[in-house]
Amino acid sequence: MFERCAFPITWATVGHLFLESCTRSSHGLAHPEMPRPPHNGLWTGDWYMHDPCTNYKQDPLWYAPDLIQKILESPVHHEIGTHSFSHIDFSPACSDPILVRRELEESAIAMQRFGVSPKSLVYPFNRMGHQFHDLLGEASITAVRHRDRRIRLAYPERMPSGVYKFYESMNLRTPKHYDYLDKVKIFIAKAVARRAAFHLWFHPSDLLSVAETELLQIMRYIDSQRKEGLVWVAPMGEIASYCEARHRLRPEVRRMNGEMTVVWRGSFASEKYGHTELSLVFPPLPRPRMITVTNGGASRDLEIGSAQTAAGQLLINMPTTAKSLHIVF
């Protein structure tokens, strides 16, 4: 469905699922090197007591390297984020810095052999661990989901560590008293008007019928809005990269003799956030004869027709890696 609609999403994945197999230690413990939560009110014993310590063929609910590979091989450029290594509760009573650090480290190690470095974190149970934001930033996490029942639409909120909070808008389900797609349409209209992020989430274990009805209708509608140029569909990490670039960079414009050059001023940590583009909207100008982007020592010309809007404005996506953007009128 995501491939048919060209929808990139964030797959927040428990780190243990990246393993092909695991075994118990001589003392009978699963993953004895991993710290256990200081408190656990969700089930008897710790999470690892239930680890079968087998392999993905015997227990595919505990190991899913085959599914990870399918996501990576998709023609749609999805993001694979983290959901902690062992689905821990990030709330203050159930976590501490040592536990959180090791959970992120072990997840990154498990993901490494797939060439994945997690940028996004979804807190298990939606129990938020913002008190660890400095630690998350040190682990190169740039985006987390945030739940606030008073706020359903917002521009992603930057914490001092550079980690962005994505406010939850809706979770996928079948409603009993209203039309779900109608509610999505209201949210999208408000998001466009407010320049906010509409954040929809679901579990891959949800009923397939919900995906084939509600989710497919939602994607088709959002795709129609995307084709009109009203919305941008992107994973969490990519949006966080865009937000950080907007926060850190500003365009400096130089004009001379019918030409215009734009260069970036400021610093952007692309090694942490990844490369992105920022949309530059120019006031009505004469039709340009040439638009050139210089990146390092290489230059490329942009198609002029695709850069002009119906209102006569220039709309140009300039990569954060670009050394300059040159326009000749």
C-alpha atoms as a PDB file:
ATOM      1  CA  MET A   1       0.000   0.000   0.000  1.00  0.00           C
ATOM      2  CA  PHE A   2       2.798   2.441   0.868  1.00  0.00           C
ATOM      3  CA  GLU A   3       4.559   1.634  -2.377  1.00  0.00           C
ATOM      4  CA  ARG A   4       1.408   2.144  -4.459  1.00  0.00           C
ATOM      5  CA  CYS A   5       0.893   5.570  -2.855  1.00  0.00           C
ATOM      6  CA  ALA A   6       4.637   6.438  -2.672  1.00  0.00           C
ATOM      7  CA  PHE A   7       4.323   7.059   1.078  1.00  0.00           C
ATOM      8  CA  PRO A   8       7.555   7.064   3.119  1.00  0.00           C
ATOM      9  CA  ILE A   9       6.953   6.409   6.819  1.00  0.00           C
ATOM     10  CA  THR A  10       8.931   5.834  10.018  1.00  0.00           C
ATOM     11  CA  TRP A  11       9.039   2.217  11.201  1.00  0.00           C
ATOM     12  CA  ALA A  12       9.872   2.494  14.923  1.00  0.00           C
ATOM     13  CA  THR A  13      11.313  -0.956  15.551  1.00  0.00           C
ATOM     14  CA  VAL A  14      12.315  -2.800  18.720  1.00  0.00           C
ATOM     15  CA  GLY A  15      16.057  -3.482  18.563  1.00  0.00           C
ATOM     16  CA  HIS A  16      15.730  -7.176  19.395  1.00  0.00           C
ATOM     17  CA  LEU A  17      13.832  -7.678  16.116  1.00  0.00           C
ATOM     18  CA  PHE A  18      17.014  -6.946  14.146  1.00  0.00           C
ATOM     19  CA  LEU A  19      18.619 -10.113  15.537  1.00  0.00           C
ATOM     20  CA  GLU A  20      18.565 -13.408  13.672  1.00  0.00           C
ATOM     21  CA  SER A  21      18.966 -15.345  16.909  1.00  0.00           C
ATOM     22  CA  CYS A  22      20.202 -15.172  20.492  1.00  0.00           C
ATOM     23  CA  THR A  23      21.161 -17.643  23.236  1.00  0.00           C
ATOM     24  CA  ARG A  24      21.100 -17.826  27.004  1.00  0.00           C
ATOM     25  CA  SER A  25      24.248 -17.402  29.052  1.00  0.00           C
ATOM     26  CA  SER A  26      25.689 -20.184  31.187  1.00  0.00           C
ATOM     27  CA  HIS A  27      23.681 -18.725  34.079  1.00  0.00           C
ATOM     28  CA  GLY A  28      20.455 -19.085  32.112  1.00  0.00           C
ATOM     29  CA  LEU A  29      20.003 -15.349  31.488  1.00  0.00           C
ATOM     30  CA  ALA A  30      19.060 -13.813  28.154  1.00  0.00           C
ATOM     31  CA  HIS A  31      21.283 -10.840  27.275  1.00  0.00           C
ATOM     32  CA  PRO A  32      23.007 -10.712  30.687  1.00  0.00           C
ATOM     33  CA  GLU A  33      25.023  -7.677  29.586  1.00  0.00           C
ATOM     34  CA  MET A  34      21.860  -5.561  29.439  1.00  0.00           C
ATOM     35  CA  PRO A  35      20.646  -3.632  32.515  1.00  0.00           C
ATOM     36  CA  ARG A  36      17.164  -4.344  33.811  1.00  0.00           C
ATOM     37  CA  PRO A  37      14.591  -1.619  34.603  1.00  0.00           C
ATOM     38  CA  PRO A  38      14.577  -0.371  38.208  1.00  0.00           C
ATOM     39  CA  HIS A  39      10.827  -0.969  38.288  1.00  0.00           C
ATOM     40  CA  ASN A  40       8.379  -2.834  36.081  1.00  0.00           C
ATOM     41  CA  GLY A  41       4.654  -2.738  36.731  1.00  0.00           C
ATOM     42  CA  LEU A  42       3.588  -4.216  33.409  1.00  0.00           C
ATOM     43  CA  TRP A  43       4.340  -7.927  33.726  1.00  0.00           C
ATOM     44  CA  THR A  44       5.922 -10.481  36.022  1.00  0.00           C
ATOM     45  CA  GLY A  45       9.705 -10.501  35.903  1.00  0.00           C
ATOM     46  CA  ASP A  46      11.789  -8.602  33.367  1.00  0.00           C
ATOM     47  CA  TRP A  47      11.291  -8.572  29.600  1.00  0.00           C
ATOM     48  CA  TYR A  48      14.203 -10.955  28.985  1.00  0.00           C
ATOM     49  CA  MET A  49      12.598 -13.717  31.067  1.00  0.00           C
ATOM     50  CA  HIS A  50      10.179 -14.151  28.165  1.00  0.00           C
ATOM     51  CA  ASP A  51      12.885 -14.082  25.444  1.00  0.00           C
ATOM     52  CA  PRO A  52      12.770 -17.557  23.807  1.00  0.00           C
ATOM     53  CA  CYS A  53      16.496 -17.328  22.887  1.00  0.00           C
ATOM     54  CA  THR A  54      15.931 -19.132  19.590  1.00  0.00           C
ATOM     55  CA  ASN A  55      15.943 -17.714  16.046  1.00  0.00           C
ATOM     56  CA  TYR A  56      13.719 -15.953  13.528  1.00  0.00           C
ATOM     57  CA  LYS A  57      12.493 -19.183  11.946  1.00  0.00           C
ATOM     58  CA  GLN A  58      11.272 -20.605  15.229  1.00  0.00           C
ATOM     59  CA  ASP A  59       9.987 -17.382  16.843  1.00  0.00           C
ATOM     60  CA  PRO A  60       9.350 -14.709  14.206  1.00  0.00           C
ATOM     61  CA  LEU A  61       7.596 -12.483  16.776  1.00  0.00           C
ATOM     62  CA  TRP A  62      10.934 -11.969  18.531  1.00  0.00           C
ATOM     63  CA  TYR A  63      13.290 -11.777  15.527  1.00  0.00           C
ATOM     64  CA  ALA A  64      12.454 -10.128  12.201  1.00  0.00           C
ATOM     65  CA  PRO A  65      15.570  -9.528  10.068  1.00  0.00           C
ATOM     66  CA  ASP A  66      13.623 -10.671   7.004  1.00  0.00           C
ATOM     67  CA  LEU A  67      10.992  -7.948   7.522  1.00  0.00           C
ATOM     68  CA  ILE A  68      13.686  -5.335   8.117  1.00  0.00           C
ATOM     69  CA  GLN A  69      15.303  -6.318   4.825  1.00  0.00           C
ATOM     70  CA  LYS A  70      11.970  -5.969   2.988  1.00  0.00           C
ATOM     71  CA  ILE A  71      11.562  -2.428   4.333  1.00  0.00           C
ATOM     72  CA  LEU A  72      15.079  -1.517   3.229  1.00  0.00           C
ATOM     73  CA  GLU A  73      14.514  -2.967  -0.241  1.00  0.00           C
ATOM     74  CA  SER A  74      11.293  -1.043  -0.790  1.00  0.00           C
ATOM     75  CA  PRO A  75      11.385   1.463  -3.679  1.00  0.00           C
ATOM     76  CA  VAL A  76       9.919   3.937  -1.178  1.00  0.00           C
ATOM     77  CA  HIS A  77      12.628   5.463   1.012  1.00  0.00           C
ATOM     78  CA  HIS A  78      11.278   4.571   4.455  1.00  0.00           C
ATOM     79  CA  GLU A  79      12.952   5.466   7.725  1.00  0.00           C
ATOM     80  CA  ILE A  80      13.717   2.784  10.307  1.00  0.00           C
ATOM     81  CA  GLY A  81      13.684   4.298  13.772  1.00  0.00           C
ATOM     82  CA  THR A  82      14.046   2.754  17.194  1.00  0.00           C
ATOM     83  CA  HIS A  83      11.506   1.665  19.802  1.00  0.00           C
ATOM     84  CA  SER A  84      14.251   0.841  22.357  1.00  0.00           C
ATOM     85  CA  PHE A  85      15.982  -2.545  22.418  1.00  0.00           C
ATOM     86  CA  SER A  86      13.604  -4.328  24.795  1.00  0.00           C
ATOM     87  CA  HIS A  87      10.467  -2.154  24.736  1.00  0.00           C
ATOM     88  CA  ILE A  88      11.252  -0.379  28.007  1.00  0.00           C
ATOM     89  CA  ASP A  89       9.035   2.080  29.830  1.00  0.00           C
ATOM     90  CA  PHE A  90      10.790   5.491  29.612  1.00  0.00           C
ATOM     91  CA  SER A  91       8.790   7.040  32.474  1.00  0.00           C
ATOM     92  CA  PRO A  92      10.906   8.325  35.436  1.00  0.00           C
ATOM     93  CA  ALA A  93       9.856   5.502  37.790  1.00  0.00           C
ATOM     94  CA  CYS A  94      10.833   2.773  35.328  1.00  0.00           C
ATOM     95  CA  SER A  95      14.018   4.088  33.681  1.00  0.00           C
ATOM     96  CA  ASP A  96      17.341   5.653  34.535  1.00  0.00           C
ATOM     97  CA  PRO A  97      20.175   7.103  32.404  1.00  0.00           C
ATOM     98  CA  ILE A  98      22.213   3.878  32.456  1.00  0.00           C
ATOM     99  CA  LEU A  99      19.286   1.816  31.197  1.00  0.00           C
ATOM    100  CA  VAL A 100      18.313   4.311  28.486  1.00  0.00           C
ATOM    101  CA  ARG A 101      21.883   4.713  27.241  1.00  0.00           C
ATOM    102  CA  ARG A 102      22.438   0.948  26.949  1.00  0.00           C
ATOM    103  CA  GLU A 103      19.043   0.400  25.285  1.00  0.00           C
ATOM    104  CA  LEU A 104      19.920   2.956  22.601  1.00  0.00           C
ATOM    105  CA  GLU A 105      23.451   1.608  22.203  1.00  0.00           C
ATOM    106  CA  GLU A 106      22.305  -1.997  21.838  1.00  0.00           C
ATOM    107  CA  SER A 107      19.616  -0.995  19.345  1.00  0.00           C
ATOM    108  CA  ALA A 108      22.201   0.884  17.276  1.00  0.00           C
ATOM    109  CA  ILE A 109      24.546  -2.114  17.334  1.00  0.00           C
ATOM    110  CA  ALA A 110      21.774  -4.472  16.181  1.00  0.00           C
ATOM    111  CA  MET A 111      20.772  -2.057  13.397  1.00  0.00           C
ATOM    112  CA  GLN A 112      24.337  -1.426  12.272  1.00  0.00           C
ATOM    113  CA  ARG A 113      24.688  -4.569  10.177  1.00  0.00           C
ATOM    114  CA  PHE A 114      21.719  -3.363   8.108  1.00  0.00           C
ATOM    115  CA  GLY A 115      23.447  -0.040   7.536  1.00  0.00           C
ATOM    116  CA  VAL A 116      20.857   1.763   9.670  1.00  0.00           C
ATOM    117  CA  SER A 117      21.603   4.492  12.222  1.00  0.00           C
ATOM    118  CA  PRO A 118      18.406   5.420  14.093  1.00  0.00           C
ATOM    119  CA  LYS A 119      17.403   9.084  14.115  1.00  0.00           C
ATOM    120  CA  SER A 120      13.847   8.719  15.441  1.00  0.00           C
ATOM    121  CA  LEU A 121      12.591   7.221  18.669  1.00  0.00           C
ATOM    122  CA  VAL A 122       9.014   6.325  19.544  1.00  0.00           C
ATOM    123  CA  TYR A 123       8.638   5.751  23.276  1.00  0.00           C
ATOM    124  CA  PRO A 124       7.075   2.336  24.034  1.00  0.00           C
ATOM    125  CA  PHE A 125       3.566   2.602  25.481  1.00  0.00           C
ATOM    126  CA  ASN A 126       3.762   6.328  24.557  1.00  0.00           C
ATOM    127  CA  ARG A 127       5.270   6.897  28.017  1.00  0.00           C
ATOM    128  CA  MET A 128       7.531   9.811  27.352  1.00  0.00           C
ATOM    129  CA  GLY A 129      11.125  10.089  28.482  1.00  0.00           C
ATOM    130  CA  HIS A 130      11.848  13.723  27.620  1.00  0.00           C
ATOM    131  CA  GLN A 131      13.885  13.989  30.823  1.00  0.00           C
ATOM    132  CA  PHE A 132      16.555  12.022  28.928  1.00  0.00           C
ATOM    133  CA  HIS A 133      16.604  14.439  25.958  1.00  0.00           C
ATOM    134  CA  ASP A 134      20.302  15.305  26.439  1.00  0.00           C
ATOM    135  CA  LEU A 135      21.183  11.622  26.402  1.00  0.00           C
ATOM    136  CA  LEU A 136      19.000  11.082  23.319  1.00  0.00           C
ATOM    137  CA  GLY A 137      20.751  13.941  21.550  1.00  0.00           C
ATOM    138  CA  GLU A 138      24.156  12.433  22.373  1.00  0.00           C
ATOM    139  CA  ALA A 139      22.947   9.185  20.788  1.00  0.00           C
ATOM    140  CA  SER A 140      22.091  11.121  17.570  1.00  0.00           C
ATOM    141  CA  ILE A 141      18.337  10.790  18.096  1.00  0.00           C
ATOM    142  CA  THR A 142      16.721  13.828  16.459  1.00  0.00           C
ATOM    143  CA  ALA A 143      12.969  13.078  16.663  1.00  0.00           C
ATOM    144  CA  VAL A 144      10.598  11.644  19.277  1.00  0.00           C
ATOM    145  CA  ARG A 145       6.825  11.323  19.455  1.00  0.00           C
ATOM    146  CA  HIS A 146       5.103  13.519  22.045  1.00  0.00           C
ATOM    147  CA  ARG A 147       1.633  13.002  23.501  1.00  0.00           C
ATOM    148  CA  ASP A 148      -0.396  15.932  24.808  1.00  0.00           C
ATOM    149  CA  ARG A 149      -4.164  15.499  24.804  1.00  0.00           C
ATOM    150  CA  ARG A 150      -4.593  19.300  24.710  1.00  0.00           C
ATOM    151  CA  ILE A 151      -2.546  19.710  21.496  1.00  0.00           C
ATOM    152  CA  ARG A 152      -3.034  17.639  18.356  1.00  0.00           C
ATOM    153  CA  LEU A 153      -1.394  19.844  15.725  1.00  0.00           C
ATOM    154  CA  ALA A 154       1.890  21.696  16.105  1.00  0.00           C
ATOM    155  CA  TYR A 155       5.107  22.538  14.326  1.00  0.00           C
ATOM    156  CA  PRO A 156       7.699  20.084  15.715  1.00  0.00           C
ATOM    157  CA  GLU A 157       9.055  21.496  18.969  1.00  0.00           C
ATOM    158  CA  ARG A 158      12.812  21.752  19.460  1.00  0.00           C
ATOM    159  CA  MET A 159      14.278  20.781  22.821  1.00  0.00           C
ATOM    160  CA  PRO A 160      17.610  22.340  23.938  1.00  0.00           C
ATOM    161  CA  SER A 161      19.432  19.139  22.935  1.00  0.00           C
ATOM    162  CA  GLY A 162      18.269  19.543  19.328  1.00  0.00           C
ATOM    163  CA  VAL A 163      15.763  16.676  19.615  1.00  0.00           C
ATOM    164  CA  TYR A 164      12.378  17.535  18.083  1.00  0.00           C
ATOM    165  CA  LYS A 165       9.056  16.571  19.667  1.00  0.00           C
ATOM    166  CA  PHE A 166       6.384  15.470  17.173  1.00  0.00           C
ATOM    167  CA  TYR A 167       2.934  15.996  18.632  1.00  0.00           C
ATOM    168  CA  GLU A 168       0.643  13.005  18.115  1.00  0.00           C
ATOM    169  CA  SER A 169      -2.415  13.906  16.029  1.00  0.00           C
ATOM    170  CA  MET A 170      -4.329  10.649  15.559  1.00  0.00           C
ATOM    171  CA  ASN A 171      -3.834   6.904  15.845  1.00  0.00           C
ATOM    172  CA  LEU A 172      -5.304   4.562  13.270  1.00  0.00           C
ATOM    173  CA  ARG A 173      -8.530   2.833  14.309  1.00  0.00           C
ATOM    174  CA  THR A 174     -12.105   2.196  13.224  1.00  0.00           C
ATOM    175  CA  PRO A 175     -14.384   4.767  14.893  1.00  0.00           C
ATOM    176  CA  LYS A 176     -17.922   3.961  15.991  1.00  0.00           C
ATOM    177  CA  HIS A 177     -19.591   7.371  15.991  1.00  0.00           C
ATOM    178  CA  TYR A 178     -18.101   9.343  13.078  1.00  0.00           C
ATOM    179  CA  ASP A 179     -16.354   9.004   9.731  1.00  0.00           C
ATOM    180  CA  TYR A 180     -12.598   8.690  10.251  1.00  0.00           C
ATOM    181  CA  LEU A 181     -11.670  10.157   6.874  1.00  0.00           C
ATOM    182  CA  ASP A 182     -13.783  13.245   7.581  1.00  0.00           C
ATOM    183  CA  LYS A 183     -11.794  13.814  10.759  1.00  0.00           C
ATOM    184  CA  VAL A 184      -8.509  13.456   8.828  1.00  0.00           C
ATOM    185  CA  LYS A 185      -9.691  16.025   6.277  1.00  0.00           C
ATOM    186  CA  ILE A 186     -10.388  18.520   9.076  1.00  0.00           C
ATOM    187  CA  PHE A 187      -6.943  17.904  10.581  1.00  0.00           C
ATOM    188  CA  ILE A 188      -5.163  18.255   7.233  1.00  0.00           C
ATOM    189  CA  ALA A 189      -6.961  21.521   6.438  1.00  0.00           C
ATOM    190  CA  LYS A 190      -5.982  22.918   9.850  1.00  0.00           C
ATOM    191  CA  ALA A 191      -2.408  21.665   9.475  1.00  0.00           C
ATOM    192  CA  VAL A 192      -2.050  23.380   6.086  1.00  0.00           C
ATOM    193  CA  ALA A 193      -3.486  26.618   7.470  1.00  0.00           C
ATOM    194  CA  ARG A 194      -1.237  26.549  10.537  1.00  0.00           C
ATOM    195  CA  ARG A 195       1.874  25.109   8.830  1.00  0.00           C
ATOM    196  CA  ALA A 196       1.778  22.283  11.364  1.00  0.00           C
ATOM    197  CA  ALA A 197       2.707  18.602  11.263  1.00  0.00           C
ATOM    198  CA  PHE A 198      -0.124  16.073  11.083  1.00  0.00           C
ATOM    199  CA  HIS A 199       1.229  12.960  12.809  1.00  0.00           C
ATOM    200  CA  LEU A 200      -0.699   9.701  12.299  1.00  0.00           C
ATOM    201  CA  TRP A 201       0.536   6.447  13.841  1.00  0.00           C
ATOM    202  CA  PHE A 202      -0.449   2.793  13.945  1.00  0.00           C
ATOM    203  CA  HIS A 203       0.880  -0.634  14.906  1.00  0.00           C
ATOM    204  CA  PRO A 204       1.802  -3.065  12.104  1.00  0.00           C
ATOM    205  CA  SER A 205      -0.027  -5.672  14.207  1.00  0.00           C
ATOM    206  CA  ASP A 206      -3.329  -3.810  13.807  1.00  0.00           C
ATOM    207  CA  LEU A 207      -6.081  -5.628  11.934  1.00  0.00           C
ATOM    208  CA  LEU A 208      -5.389  -5.794   8.217  1.00  0.00           C
ATOM    209  CA  SER A 209      -8.963  -4.716   7.550  1.00  0.00           C
ATOM    210  CA  VAL A 210      -8.240  -1.342   9.214  1.00  0.00           C
ATOM    211  CA  ALA A 211      -5.258  -0.811   6.917  1.00  0.00           C
ATOM    212  CA  GLU A 212      -7.198  -1.823   3.811  1.00  0.00           C
ATOM    213  CA  THR A 213     -10.083   0.541   4.590  1.00  0.00           C
ATOM    214  CA  GLU A 214      -9.253   3.466   6.874  1.00  0.00           C
ATOM    215  CA  LEU A 215      -5.510   3.747   6.178  1.00  0.00           C
ATOM    216  CA  LEU A 216      -5.794   3.350   2.409  1.00  0.00           C
ATOM    217  CA  GLN A 217      -8.513   6.017   2.229  1.00  0.00           C
ATOM    218  CA  ILE A 218      -6.371   8.361   4.323  1.00  0.00           C
ATOM    219  CA  MET A 219      -3.320   7.852   2.132  1.00  0.00           C
ATOM    220  CA  ARG A 220      -5.296   8.425  -1.064  1.00  0.00           C
ATOM    221  CA  TYR A 221      -6.717  11.664   0.303  1.00  0.00           C
ATOM    222  CA  ILE A 222      -3.352  12.950   1.558  1.00  0.00           C
ATOM    223  CA  ASP A 223      -1.822  12.007  -1.792  1.00  0.00           C
ATOM    224  CA  SER A 224      -4.435  14.173  -3.528  1.00  0.00           C
ATOM    225  CA  GLN A 225      -3.428  17.082  -1.296  1.00  0.00           C
ATOM    226  CA  ARG A 226       0.226  16.401  -2.010  1.00  0.00           C
ATOM    227  CA  LYS A 227      -0.396  16.511  -5.773  1.00  0.00           C
ATOM    228  CA  GLU A 228      -1.938  19.964  -5.283  1.00  0.00           C
ATOM    229  CA  GLY A 229       1.253  21.081  -3.548  1.00  0.00           C
ATOM    230  CA  LEU A 230      -0.439  21.549  -0.165  1.00  0.00           C
ATOM    231  CA  VAL A 231       1.317  18.921   1.944  1.00  0.00           C
ATOM    232  CA  TRP A 232       4.671  17.183   2.250  1.00  0.00           C
ATOM    233  CA  VAL A 233       4.749  13.502   3.265  1.00  0.00           C
ATOM    234  CA  ALA A 234       7.955  12.519   5.052  1.00  0.00           C
ATOM    235  CA  PRO A 235       9.303  10.341   7.901  1.00  0.00           C
ATOM    236  CA  MET A 236      10.054  11.837  11.308  1.00  0.00           C
ATOM    237  CA  GLY A 237      13.839  12.008  10.893  1.00  0.00           C
ATOM    238  CA  GLU A 238      13.563  13.807   7.563  1.00  0.00           C
ATOM    239  CA  ILE A 239      11.185  16.403   8.985  1.00  0.00           C
ATOM    240  CA  ALA A 240      13.478  16.926  11.998  1.00  0.00           C
ATOM    241  CA  SER A 241      16.355  17.520   9.580  1.00  0.00           C
ATOM    242  CA  TYR A 242      14.292  20.134   7.739  1.00  0.00           C
ATOM    243  CA  CYS A 243      13.285  21.844  11.005  1.00  0.00           C
ATOM    244  CA  GLU A 244      16.877  21.978  12.227  1.00  0.00           C
ATOM    245  CA  ALA A 245      18.069  23.406   8.905  1.00  0.00           C
ATOM    246  CA  ARG A 246      15.414  26.135   9.156  1.00  0.00           C
ATOM    247  CA  HIS A 247      16.550  26.785  12.726  1.00  0.00           C
ATOM    248  CA  ARG A 248      20.249  26.986  11.890  1.00  0.00           C
ATOM    249  CA  LEU A 249      20.509  28.396   8.362  1.00  0.00           C
ATOM    250  CA  ARG A 250      19.437  31.627   6.731  1.00  0.00           C
ATOM    251  CA  PRO A 251      19.739  32.592   3.060  1.00  0.00           C
ATOM    252  CA  GLU A 252      21.921  35.561   2.178  1.00  0.00           C
ATOM    253  CA  VAL A 253      20.962  37.176  -1.141  1.00  0.00           C
ATOM    254  CA  ARG A 254      23.377  39.111  -3.369  1.00  0.00           C
ATOM    255  CA  ARG A 255      22.095  41.014  -6.419  1.00  0.00           C
ATOM    256  CA  MET A 256      24.097  42.497  -9.275  1.00  0.00           C
ATOM    257  CA  ASN A 257      23.439  43.335 -12.950  1.00  0.00           C
ATOM    258  CA  GLY A 258      20.382  41.162 -13.554  1.00  0.00           C
ATOM    259  CA  GLU A 259      21.746  38.258 -11.541  1.00  0.00           C
ATOM    260  CA  MET A 260      21.053  36.939  -8.056  1.00  0.00           C
ATOM    261  CA  THR A 261      23.166  34.629  -5.876  1.00  0.00           C
ATOM    262  CA  VAL A 262      21.953  32.933  -2.691  1.00  0.00           C
ATOM    263  CA  VAL A 263      24.333  31.403  -0.137  1.00  0.00           C
ATOM    264  CA  TRP A 264      23.670  29.826   3.258  1.00  0.00           C
ATOM    265  CA  ARG A 265      24.768  31.534   6.431  1.00  0.00           C
ATOM    266  CA  GLY A 266      24.987  29.570   9.693  1.00  0.00           C
ATOM    267  CA  SER A 267      26.025  26.031  10.572  1.00  0.00           C
ATOM    268  CA  PHE A 268      24.029  22.845  10.169  1.00  0.00           C
ATOM    269  CA  ALA A 269      25.089  19.482  11.663  1.00  0.00           C
ATOM    270  CA  SER A 270      24.337  17.336   8.606  1.00  0.00           C
ATOM    271  CA  GLU A 271      26.423  14.482  10.054  1.00  0.00           C
ATOM    272  CA  LYS A 272      23.768  14.189  12.792  1.00  0.00           C
ATOM    273  CA  TYR A 273      20.566  15.251  11.039  1.00  0.00           C
ATOM    274  CA  GLY A 274      21.305  14.140   7.493  1.00  0.00           C
ATOM    275  CA  HIS A 275      21.115  16.236   4.339  1.00  0.00           C
ATOM    276  CA  THR A 276      17.920  18.039   3.412  1.00  0.00           C
ATOM    277  CA  GLU A 277      16.546  20.856   1.278  1.00  0.00           C
ATOM    278  CA  LEU A 278      14.867  24.122   2.201  1.00  0.00           C
ATOM    279  CA  SER A 279      12.248  25.753  -0.011  1.00  0.00           C
ATOM    280  CA  LEU A 280      13.062  29.337  -0.952  1.00  0.00           C
ATOM    281  CA  VAL A 281      10.045  31.407  -2.000  1.00  0.00           C
ATOM    282  CA  PHE A 282      10.955  34.551  -3.924  1.00  0.00           C
ATOM    283  CA  PRO A 283       8.624  37.495  -4.579  1.00  0.00           C
ATOM    284  CA  PRO A 284       7.391  37.959  -8.185  1.00  0.00           C
ATOM    285  CA  LEU A 285      10.448  38.432 -10.394  1.00  0.00           C
ATOM    286  CA  PRO A 286      11.169  38.525 -14.127  1.00  0.00           C
ATOM    287  CA  ARG A 287      11.247  35.050 -15.656  1.00  0.00           C
ATOM    288  CA  PRO A 288      14.773  33.682 -15.083  1.00  0.00           C
ATOM    289  CA  ARG A 289      16.885  32.549 -18.015  1.00  0.00           C
ATOM    290  CA  MET A 290      19.021  30.193 -15.949  1.00  0.00           C
ATOM    291  CA  ILE A 291      19.037  28.719 -12.420  1.00  0.00           C
ATOM    292  CA  THR A 292      22.217  26.941 -11.293  1.00  0.00           C
ATOM    293  CA  VAL A 293      22.984  25.137  -8.048  1.00  0.00           C
ATOM    294  CA  THR A 294      26.646  24.696  -7.140  1.00  0.00           C
ATOM    295  CA  ASN A 295      27.507  21.908  -4.729  1.00  0.00           C
ATOM    296  CA  GLY A 296      31.194  21.574  -4.010  1.00  0.00           C
ATOM    297  CA  GLY A 297      32.920  21.747  -7.377  1.00  0.00           C
ATOM    298  CA  ALA A 298      29.924  20.511  -9.376  1.00  0.00           C
ATOM    299  CA  SER A 299      27.097  22.625 -10.803  1.00  0.00           C
ATOM    300  CA  ARG A 300      23.727  21.669 -12.248  1.00  0.00           C
ATOM    301  CA  ASP A 301      21.027  23.682 -13.975  1.00  0.00           C
ATOM    302  CA  LEU A 302      17.448  23.520 -12.711  1.00  0.00           C
ATOM    303  CA  GLU A 303      14.399  23.323 -14.950  1.00  0.00           C
ATOM    304  CA  ILE A 304      12.980  26.847 -14.950  1.00  0.00           C
ATOM    305  CA  GLY A 305       9.332  25.868 -15.550  1.00  0.00           C
ATOM    306  CA  SER A 306       9.179  23.711 -12.426  1.00  0.00           C
ATOM    307  CA  ALA A 307      10.540  26.578 -10.297  1.00  0.00           C
ATOM    308  CA  GLN A 308       7.746  29.073 -11.057  1.00  0.00           C
ATOM    309  CA  THR A 309       4.384  29.030  -9.293  1.00  0.00           C
ATOM    310  CA  ALA A 310       1.035  30.046 -10.759  1.00  0.00           C
ATOM    311  CA  ALA A 311       1.303  33.351  -8.886  1.00  0.00           C
ATOM    312  CA  GLY A 312       4.529  34.191 -10.691  1.00  0.00           C
ATOM    313  CA  GLN A 313       6.709  33.489  -7.684  1.00  0.00           C
ATOM    314  CA  LEU A 314       9.904  31.491  -7.794  1.00  0.00           C
ATOM    315  CA  LEU A 315       9.891  28.403  -5.565  1.00  0.00           C
ATOM    316  CA  ILE A 316      13.273  26.678  -5.449  1.00  0.00           C
ATOM    317  CA  ASN A 317      14.391  23.818  -3.224  1.00  0.00           C
ATOM    318  CA  MET A 318      17.968  24.558  -2.260  1.00  0.00           C
ATOM    319  CA  PRO A 319      19.980  21.689  -0.720  1.00  0.00           C
ATOM    320  CA  THR A 320      21.625  22.445   2.608  1.00  0.00           C
ATOM    321  CA  THR A 321      24.829  21.127   1.042  1.00  0.00           C
ATOM    322  CA  ALA A 322      24.730  23.717  -1.760  1.00  0.00           C
ATOM    323  CA  LYS A 323      27.539  26.216  -1.891  1.00  0.00           C
ATOM    324  CA  SER A 324      25.396  28.682  -3.837  1.00  0.00           C
ATOM    325  CA  LEU A 325      22.251  29.162  -5.929  1.00  0.00           C
ATOM    326  CA  HIS A 326      22.713  31.415  -8.961  1.00  0.00           C
ATOM    327  CA  ILE A 327      19.810  32.967 -10.938  1.00  0.00           C
ATOM    328  CA  VAL A 328      20.244  34.849 -14.220  1.00  0.00           C
ATOM    329  CA  PHE A 329      17.349  37.033 -15.454  1.00  0.00           C
END
